[in-house]
Protein backbone atom coordinates (compact mmCIF):
# COMPACT_ATOMS: atom_id res chain seq x y z
CA MET A 1 -95.79 -50.15 -89.32
CA LYS A 2 -96.92 -48.15 -92.30
CA ASN A 3 -97.56 -50.90 -94.82
CA LEU A 4 -98.26 -54.55 -94.28
CA PHE A 5 -98.42 -56.73 -97.35
CA VAL A 6 -100.54 -59.87 -97.18
CA THR A 7 -99.86 -62.57 -99.76
CA THR A 8 -102.66 -63.32 -102.19
CA THR A 9 -103.12 -66.84 -100.82
CA LEU A 10 -103.44 -65.66 -97.23
CA ASP A 11 -105.64 -62.75 -98.26
CA HIS A 12 -108.13 -65.07 -99.98
CA TYR A 13 -108.12 -67.45 -97.02
CA LEU A 14 -108.73 -64.72 -94.43
CA LYS A 15 -111.53 -63.20 -96.46
CA SER A 16 -113.20 -66.61 -96.93
CA LYS A 17 -113.15 -67.12 -93.15
CA ASN A 18 -114.31 -63.59 -92.25
CA ALA A 19 -110.98 -63.24 -90.48
CA PHE A 20 -109.35 -60.12 -91.85
CA THR A 21 -109.67 -58.71 -88.33
CA ILE A 22 -106.60 -60.81 -87.55
CA VAL A 23 -104.54 -58.60 -89.84
CA ASP A 24 -105.91 -55.51 -88.09
CA GLN A 25 -104.90 -56.98 -84.74
CA ILE A 26 -101.37 -57.77 -85.98
CA ILE A 27 -100.97 -54.23 -87.30
CA GLU A 28 -102.23 -52.75 -84.03
CA LEU A 29 -99.87 -54.92 -81.96
CA GLN A 30 -96.89 -53.66 -83.97
CA LYS A 31 -97.19 -50.53 -81.80
CA ASN A 32 -95.75 -52.61 -78.96
CA PRO A 33 -91.97 -51.97 -78.99
CA GLU A 34 -91.13 -55.60 -78.11
CA VAL A 35 -93.10 -56.78 -81.12
CA PHE A 36 -92.05 -54.06 -83.54
CA VAL A 37 -88.29 -54.71 -83.16
CA GLU A 38 -88.64 -58.34 -84.26
CA GLU A 39 -87.93 -58.59 -87.99
CA PHE A 40 -89.34 -62.13 -88.11
CA GLN A 41 -92.53 -62.93 -86.19
CA VAL A 42 -94.55 -66.11 -85.80
CA TRP A 43 -98.22 -65.46 -85.07
CA LYS A 44 -100.31 -68.29 -83.62
CA ILE A 45 -104.03 -67.58 -83.45
CA THR A 46 -106.27 -69.96 -81.50
CA LYS A 47 -110.00 -69.90 -80.85
CA ILE A 48 -110.57 -70.31 -77.11
CA ASP A 49 -114.35 -70.20 -76.92
CA GLU A 50 -117.29 -68.98 -79.01
CA ILE A 51 -115.99 -65.41 -79.27
CA THR A 52 -112.50 -65.29 -77.72
CA PHE A 53 -109.22 -65.75 -79.57
CA SER A 54 -105.64 -65.74 -78.37
CA MET A 55 -102.78 -64.37 -80.42
CA GLU A 56 -99.30 -65.44 -79.47
CA VAL A 57 -96.37 -63.80 -81.19
CA GLN A 58 -92.98 -65.48 -81.10
CA ASP A 59 -89.60 -64.65 -82.51
CA GLY A 60 -87.95 -67.14 -84.84
CA ASN A 61 -86.48 -69.04 -81.87
CA LEU A 62 -89.82 -69.99 -80.22
CA ASN A 63 -89.51 -67.25 -77.60
CA ILE A 64 -92.90 -65.77 -76.74
CA ILE A 65 -92.87 -62.02 -77.14
CA LEU A 66 -96.51 -61.24 -76.44
CA LEU A 67 -99.81 -62.95 -75.71
CA HIS A 68 -102.92 -61.02 -76.68
CA TYR A 69 -106.64 -61.81 -76.51
CA PHE A 70 -109.46 -60.40 -78.60
CA GLN A 71 -113.08 -61.16 -79.33
CA SER A 72 -114.92 -61.69 -82.58
CA VAL A 73 -118.20 -63.39 -83.42
CA SER A 74 -117.58 -63.61 -87.17
CA ILE A 75 -114.20 -65.35 -87.53
CA GLU A 76 -114.52 -68.91 -88.81
CA ILE A 77 -111.04 -70.13 -87.84
CA PHE A 78 -110.11 -72.43 -84.97
CA GLU A 79 -106.34 -72.26 -85.36
CA LEU A 80 -103.96 -70.42 -87.65
CA THR A 81 -100.21 -69.81 -87.85
CA VAL A 82 -98.81 -67.05 -90.03
CA TRP A 83 -95.38 -65.51 -90.36
CA LEU A 84 -94.55 -61.84 -90.60
CA GLU A 85 -91.25 -60.94 -92.14
CA ASN A 86 -90.74 -57.25 -92.78
CA PRO A 87 -93.28 -56.26 -94.08
CA THR A 88 -95.01 -59.35 -95.53
CA LEU A 89 -97.57 -61.56 -93.80
CA TYR A 90 -97.80 -65.10 -95.19
CA PHE A 91 -98.48 -68.78 -94.52
CA PRO A 92 -95.38 -70.76 -93.45
CA SER A 93 -95.94 -72.99 -96.49
CA GLU A 94 -95.41 -70.01 -98.78
CA CYS A 95 -91.73 -69.55 -97.97
């Protein structure tokens, strides 16, 4: 994925929660062929413990495509759902 556009609302939210790393993770995971081919993606991010987060990506039909874990000490989010529709990342409420 060459360019990923993040809506202004989501951009402000992620920056306020020190969570822009989530966007970096989503971009990196687009290298996975199973993820990349999905034109519509639902990303569910959940804080598991003090530093560990899970990222679940689903297609638009609730099928899990990939489950990924990463660590961060700075993110101030416990749970977040965002949608990626080529090539825009946004809150579900923004559609």
